[in-house]
Structure formats: C-alpha cells, structure tokens
Amino acid sequence: MTSPLDPDLAARLKRNEHGLVPAVVQQHDTGEVLMLGWMDDEALHRTLTTGRGTFWSRSRQEYWVKGETSGHRQHVVEVRLDCDGDTLLVKVDQEGPACHTGARTCFDADQLL
C-alpha cells in the first residue's frame, strides 16, 4: 500500500512493528504536555491536511479524531518530527480536557519523582 504522505516525510519516519509512531501532544502556547497518541501514515496525513488531531486507536483498531464525540477538539498549530524520526510532537490549541478521564492532561494522575 502506498503512503498518503509526502515520500520524503514518509521515508524519515521510523515506525514500530505495528507501523505506528508515538505522537506527544502539547498545548502550543503553554508547553503543557496533554497526551500521547499513536499515528500511522494515514493518521499523520489526516492530521496535516485537516488540522485536527487524528490518531490510530490500538484498542479499537480504528482512526479517531480527538474531540469528535466529546467536543474536546484539538486544533493543530504545528507538527514536528524529532531528530531520530521516531516521535512526533503535535502542538495544538486544546478545547476542554485532553484526557478521556475528563482531566486537562493525561499526565496529572501520579507524580513519580
């Protein structure tokens, strides 16, 4: 299957054994880390072309657009690829909570250190 991504970008991605790349989602103006999602080529393509955070659900085995059912949308401001090509940084303007628990961020449950 041909990737919907620009060939140069697709060639730079280092995917895991399931064809996925982790995507760290960050609030663009505060730097707050909101969540971690997974993207394949199609999810990244949809994110880049629609401006909405689109991810691959590993549990449901389907694409999902953040906020499609909850209304807590992510408006994508910027997408960056790290130096190794194995992680994406997705900077967004988040409407409402980012976490499925209703919390602003998925990273406020436990502080380990």
N, C-alpha and C. Protein backbone atom coordinates (compact mmCIF):
# COMPACT_ATOMS: atom_id res chain seq x y z
N MET A 1 0.84 -1.19 0.00
CA MET A 1 0.00 0.00 0.00
C MET A 1 0.88 1.25 0.00
N THR A 2 0.56 2.20 -0.82
CA THR A 2 1.32 3.43 -0.94
C THR A 2 0.92 4.39 0.19
N SER A 3 1.91 5.05 0.75
CA SER A 3 1.66 6.01 1.83
C SER A 3 1.04 7.28 1.26
N PRO A 4 0.05 7.85 1.97
CA PRO A 4 -0.54 9.11 1.53
C PRO A 4 0.36 10.32 1.83
N LEU A 5 1.43 10.08 2.56
CA LEU A 5 2.34 11.16 2.94
C LEU A 5 3.30 11.51 1.82
N ASP A 6 3.83 12.70 1.90
CA ASP A 6 4.93 13.10 1.04
C ASP A 6 6.02 12.04 1.17
N PRO A 7 6.55 11.54 0.07
CA PRO A 7 7.55 10.46 0.12
C PRO A 7 8.78 10.79 0.98
N ASP A 8 9.22 12.04 0.97
CA ASP A 8 10.38 12.42 1.78
C ASP A 8 10.08 12.31 3.26
N LEU A 9 8.88 12.75 3.67
CA LEU A 9 8.47 12.64 5.07
C LEU A 9 8.28 11.17 5.44
N ALA A 10 7.59 10.42 4.62
CA ALA A 10 7.36 9.00 4.89
C ALA A 10 8.67 8.25 5.07
N ALA A 11 9.67 8.59 4.29
CA ALA A 11 10.97 7.93 4.37
C ALA A 11 11.70 8.23 5.67
N ARG A 12 11.41 9.37 6.28
CA ARG A 12 12.08 9.76 7.53
C ARG A 12 11.46 9.12 8.77
N LEU A 13 10.22 8.66 8.66
CA LEU A 13 9.53 8.08 9.82
C LEU A 13 10.09 6.71 10.18
N LYS A 14 10.33 6.51 11.46
CA LYS A 14 10.74 5.20 11.97
C LYS A 14 9.57 4.67 12.78
N ARG A 15 8.87 3.74 12.19
CA ARG A 15 7.66 3.19 12.78
C ARG A 15 7.99 1.96 13.63
N ASN A 16 7.11 1.66 14.60
CA ASN A 16 7.30 0.42 15.37
C ASN A 16 6.81 -0.77 14.55
N GLU A 17 6.80 -1.93 15.14
CA GLU A 17 6.44 -3.15 14.41
C GLU A 17 4.99 -3.16 13.94
N HIS A 18 4.17 -2.24 14.45
CA HIS A 18 2.78 -2.12 14.03
C HIS A 18 2.56 -0.97 13.03
N GLY A 19 3.66 -0.34 12.61
CA GLY A 19 3.58 0.76 11.65
C GLY A 19 3.20 2.08 12.28
N LEU A 20 3.38 2.20 13.60
CA LEU A 20 2.94 3.38 14.34
C LEU A 20 4.12 4.20 14.86
N VAL A 21 3.86 5.48 15.04
CA VAL A 21 4.82 6.43 15.62
C VAL A 21 4.11 7.11 16.79
N PRO A 22 4.77 7.20 17.97
CA PRO A 22 4.15 7.92 19.08
C PRO A 22 4.07 9.41 18.77
N ALA A 23 2.96 10.02 19.18
CA ALA A 23 2.74 11.45 18.97
C ALA A 23 2.47 12.11 20.32
N VAL A 24 3.42 12.89 20.79
CA VAL A 24 3.26 13.64 22.03
C VAL A 24 2.47 14.90 21.68
N VAL A 25 1.37 15.12 22.39
CA VAL A 25 0.51 16.27 22.11
C VAL A 25 0.73 17.30 23.21
N GLN A 26 1.01 18.54 22.77
CA GLN A 26 1.38 19.62 23.67
C GLN A 26 0.54 20.86 23.38
N GLN A 27 0.10 21.56 24.43
CA GLN A 27 -0.59 22.83 24.26
C GLN A 27 0.41 23.83 23.68
N HIS A 28 0.07 24.43 22.55
CA HIS A 28 1.05 25.24 21.80
C HIS A 28 1.55 26.46 22.54
N ASP A 29 0.73 27.11 23.36
CA ASP A 29 1.15 28.38 23.96
C ASP A 29 1.73 28.24 25.36
N THR A 30 1.42 27.15 26.07
CA THR A 30 1.93 26.98 27.43
C THR A 30 3.00 25.90 27.54
N GLY A 31 3.08 25.02 26.54
CA GLY A 31 4.04 23.92 26.59
C GLY A 31 3.56 22.74 27.41
N GLU A 32 2.35 22.82 27.97
CA GLU A 32 1.81 21.73 28.77
C GLU A 32 1.64 20.46 27.91
N VAL A 33 2.18 19.34 28.40
CA VAL A 33 2.02 18.07 27.70
C VAL A 33 0.64 17.52 28.05
N LEU A 34 -0.15 17.27 27.01
CA LEU A 34 -1.55 16.89 27.21
C LEU A 34 -1.79 15.39 27.14
N MET A 35 -1.19 14.73 26.17
CA MET A 35 -1.48 13.31 25.97
C MET A 35 -0.45 12.69 25.04
N LEU A 36 -0.54 11.38 24.92
CA LEU A 36 0.25 10.63 23.95
C LEU A 36 -0.73 9.83 23.10
N GLY A 37 -0.59 9.95 21.80
CA GLY A 37 -1.40 9.17 20.88
C GLY A 37 -0.48 8.45 19.91
N TRP A 38 -1.06 7.62 19.07
CA TRP A 38 -0.29 6.87 18.07
C TRP A 38 -0.78 7.21 16.69
N MET A 39 0.15 7.39 15.78
CA MET A 39 -0.19 7.71 14.39
C MET A 39 0.50 6.76 13.43
N ASP A 40 -0.23 6.36 12.41
CA ASP A 40 0.39 5.71 11.26
C ASP A 40 0.43 6.76 10.15
N ASP A 41 0.84 6.37 8.97
CA ASP A 41 0.95 7.34 7.88
C ASP A 41 -0.38 8.02 7.59
N GLU A 42 -1.46 7.26 7.59
CA GLU A 42 -2.78 7.83 7.28
C GLU A 42 -3.22 8.82 8.36
N ALA A 43 -3.03 8.49 9.63
CA ALA A 43 -3.41 9.39 10.71
C ALA A 43 -2.61 10.69 10.64
N LEU A 44 -1.31 10.58 10.35
CA LEU A 44 -0.49 11.79 10.22
C LEU A 44 -0.95 12.60 9.02
N HIS A 45 -1.22 11.94 7.92
CA HIS A 45 -1.72 12.63 6.73
C HIS A 45 -3.01 13.38 7.04
N ARG A 46 -3.94 12.72 7.71
CA ARG A 46 -5.21 13.37 8.07
C ARG A 46 -4.99 14.55 9.00
N THR A 47 -4.08 14.40 9.96
CA THR A 47 -3.77 15.49 10.88
C THR A 47 -3.22 16.69 10.12
N LEU A 48 -2.28 16.43 9.22
CA LEU A 48 -1.65 17.52 8.47
C LEU A 48 -2.62 18.20 7.50
N THR A 49 -3.55 17.45 6.94
CA THR A 49 -4.44 18.03 5.93
C THR A 49 -5.71 18.62 6.51
N THR A 50 -6.14 18.14 7.68
CA THR A 50 -7.39 18.66 8.27
C THR A 50 -7.15 19.66 9.40
N GLY A 51 -5.94 19.61 9.99
CA GLY A 51 -5.68 20.48 11.13
C GLY A 51 -6.33 20.00 12.41
N ARG A 52 -6.78 18.76 12.44
CA ARG A 52 -7.39 18.15 13.62
C ARG A 52 -6.57 16.95 14.05
N GLY A 53 -6.35 16.80 15.36
CA GLY A 53 -5.58 15.68 15.87
C GLY A 53 -6.27 14.36 15.55
N THR A 54 -5.64 13.55 14.71
CA THR A 54 -6.20 12.27 14.29
C THR A 54 -5.21 11.17 14.65
N PHE A 55 -5.71 10.12 15.27
CA PHE A 55 -4.85 9.08 15.81
C PHE A 55 -5.37 7.70 15.44
N TRP A 56 -4.52 6.68 15.64
CA TRP A 56 -4.92 5.30 15.47
C TRP A 56 -5.17 4.71 16.85
N SER A 57 -6.36 4.19 17.07
CA SER A 57 -6.69 3.54 18.33
C SER A 57 -6.21 2.11 18.30
N ARG A 58 -5.27 1.79 19.16
CA ARG A 58 -4.74 0.44 19.21
C ARG A 58 -5.77 -0.53 19.79
N SER A 59 -6.62 -0.05 20.70
CA SER A 59 -7.62 -0.94 21.30
C SER A 59 -8.81 -1.19 20.37
N ARG A 60 -9.25 -0.15 19.68
CA ARG A 60 -10.42 -0.29 18.79
C ARG A 60 -10.04 -0.61 17.35
N GLN A 61 -8.75 -0.47 17.03
CA GLN A 61 -8.26 -0.74 15.68
C GLN A 61 -8.98 0.12 14.64
N GLU A 62 -9.05 1.43 14.95
CA GLU A 62 -9.68 2.38 14.03
C GLU A 62 -9.13 3.77 14.27
N TYR A 63 -9.33 4.65 13.28
CA TYR A 63 -8.91 6.04 13.42
C TYR A 63 -9.90 6.78 14.29
N TRP A 64 -9.39 7.75 15.04
CA TRP A 64 -10.27 8.61 15.81
C TRP A 64 -9.72 10.03 15.78
N VAL A 65 -10.65 10.97 15.71
CA VAL A 65 -10.31 12.39 15.71
C VAL A 65 -10.60 12.90 17.11
N LYS A 66 -9.60 13.45 17.76
CA LYS A 66 -9.76 13.93 19.13
C LYS A 66 -10.89 14.96 19.18
N GLY A 67 -11.86 14.69 20.05
CA GLY A 67 -12.98 15.60 20.25
C GLY A 67 -14.17 15.33 19.36
N GLU A 68 -14.09 14.32 18.50
CA GLU A 68 -15.19 14.03 17.58
C GLU A 68 -16.48 13.69 18.33
N THR A 69 -16.37 12.98 19.44
CA THR A 69 -17.56 12.65 20.22
C THR A 69 -17.68 13.51 21.48
N SER A 70 -16.56 13.89 22.08
CA SER A 70 -16.60 14.65 23.34
C SER A 70 -16.75 16.15 23.13
N GLY A 71 -16.37 16.64 21.96
CA GLY A 71 -16.35 18.08 21.72
C GLY A 71 -15.06 18.74 22.18
N HIS A 72 -14.15 17.96 22.75
CA HIS A 72 -12.87 18.49 23.24
C HIS A 72 -11.83 18.40 22.13
N ARG A 73 -11.99 19.25 21.15
CA ARG A 73 -11.20 19.20 19.92
C ARG A 73 -9.78 19.70 20.09
N GLN A 74 -8.95 19.20 19.21
CA GLN A 74 -7.57 19.68 19.11
C GLN A 74 -7.40 20.35 17.75
N HIS A 75 -7.07 21.63 17.79
CA HIS A 75 -6.78 22.37 16.57
C HIS A 75 -5.25 22.41 16.44
N VAL A 76 -4.75 21.74 15.43
CA VAL A 76 -3.30 21.57 15.27
C VAL A 76 -2.67 22.86 14.77
N VAL A 77 -1.65 23.30 15.50
CA VAL A 77 -0.92 24.52 15.18
C VAL A 77 0.39 24.18 14.47
N GLU A 78 1.01 23.08 14.90
CA GLU A 78 2.34 22.73 14.38
C GLU A 78 2.58 21.24 14.62
N VAL A 79 3.30 20.60 13.70
CA VAL A 79 3.72 19.21 13.87
C VAL A 79 5.21 19.15 13.59
N ARG A 80 5.95 18.52 14.50
CA ARG A 80 7.40 18.38 14.35
C ARG A 80 7.78 16.91 14.45
N LEU A 81 8.84 16.55 13.75
CA LEU A 81 9.41 15.22 13.81
C LEU A 81 10.73 15.32 14.56
N ASP A 82 10.96 14.43 15.52
CA ASP A 82 12.21 14.52 16.27
C ASP A 82 13.41 14.12 15.41
N CYS A 83 14.60 14.32 15.96
CA CYS A 83 15.84 14.12 15.20
C CYS A 83 16.03 12.69 14.74
N ASP A 84 15.47 11.72 15.45
CA ASP A 84 15.61 10.31 15.07
C ASP A 84 14.50 9.83 14.15
N GLY A 85 13.46 10.63 13.99
CA GLY A 85 12.34 10.25 13.14
C GLY A 85 11.39 9.26 13.77
N ASP A 86 11.52 9.06 15.10
CA ASP A 86 10.68 8.04 15.74
C ASP A 86 9.64 8.58 16.71
N THR A 87 9.50 9.91 16.78
CA THR A 87 8.48 10.52 17.64
C THR A 87 8.01 11.82 17.00
N LEU A 88 6.70 12.04 17.07
CA LEU A 88 6.11 13.29 16.59
C LEU A 88 5.75 14.18 17.77
N LEU A 89 5.88 15.47 17.59
CA LEU A 89 5.39 16.46 18.55
C LEU A 89 4.28 17.22 17.85
N VAL A 90 3.09 17.15 18.42
CA VAL A 90 1.92 17.79 17.83
C VAL A 90 1.50 18.91 18.76
N LYS A 91 1.70 20.15 18.32
CA LYS A 91 1.32 21.31 19.13
C LYS A 91 -0.09 21.72 18.73
N VAL A 92 -0.95 21.86 19.74
CA VAL A 92 -2.37 22.09 19.48
C VAL A 92 -2.91 23.23 20.32
N ASP A 93 -4.09 23.68 19.93
CA ASP A 93 -4.92 24.51 20.78
C ASP A 93 -6.04 23.59 21.23
N GLN A 94 -5.99 23.17 22.49
CA GLN A 94 -6.92 22.18 23.03
C GLN A 94 -8.17 22.86 23.56
N GLU A 95 -9.33 22.37 23.13
CA GLU A 95 -10.63 22.81 23.68
C GLU A 95 -11.01 21.85 24.78
N GLY A 96 -11.10 22.32 26.01
CA GLY A 96 -11.51 21.46 27.12
C GLY A 96 -10.44 20.45 27.48
N PRO A 97 -10.85 19.42 28.24
CA PRO A 97 -9.89 18.41 28.69
C PRO A 97 -9.33 17.58 27.54
N ALA A 98 -8.08 17.16 27.68
CA ALA A 98 -7.47 16.30 26.67
C ALA A 98 -7.60 14.83 27.04
N CYS A 99 -7.70 14.54 28.32
CA CYS A 99 -7.72 13.15 28.78
C CYS A 99 -9.13 12.58 28.76
N HIS A 100 -9.22 11.29 28.46
CA HIS A 100 -10.53 10.62 28.43
C HIS A 100 -11.17 10.55 29.82
N THR A 101 -10.39 10.81 30.88
CA THR A 101 -10.93 10.82 32.24
C THR A 101 -11.62 12.13 32.58
N GLY A 102 -11.45 13.12 31.71
CA GLY A 102 -12.00 14.45 31.97
C GLY A 102 -10.99 15.42 32.54
N ALA A 103 -9.76 14.95 32.77
CA ALA A 103 -8.68 15.81 33.26
C ALA A 103 -8.11 16.63 32.11
N ARG A 104 -7.55 17.77 32.43
CA ARG A 104 -6.94 18.64 31.42
C ARG A 104 -5.85 17.91 30.66
N THR A 105 -5.03 17.15 31.39
CA THR A 105 -3.92 16.42 30.80
C THR A 105 -3.93 14.97 31.27
N CYS A 106 -3.40 14.09 30.49
CA CYS A 106 -3.29 12.68 30.88
C CYS A 106 -2.14 12.46 31.86
N PHE A 107 -1.35 13.50 32.12
CA PHE A 107 -0.15 13.35 32.94
C PHE A 107 -0.26 14.01 34.30
N ASP A 108 -1.46 14.05 34.88
CA ASP A 108 -1.57 14.64 36.22
C ASP A 108 -2.01 13.65 37.27
N ALA A 109 -2.07 12.35 36.93
CA ALA A 109 -2.55 11.34 37.87
C ALA A 109 -1.54 11.06 38.99
N ASP A 110 -0.33 10.77 38.64
CA ASP A 110 0.69 10.40 39.64
C ASP A 110 2.00 11.07 39.33
N GLN A 111 2.58 11.71 40.35
CA GLN A 111 3.92 12.26 40.22
C GLN A 111 4.87 11.24 40.82
N LEU A 112 5.78 10.73 40.04
CA LEU A 112 6.67 9.67 40.47
C LEU A 112 7.95 10.17 41.12
N LEU A 113 8.33 11.39 40.82
CA LEU A 113 9.56 11.93 41.40
C LEU A 113 9.38 13.40 41.62
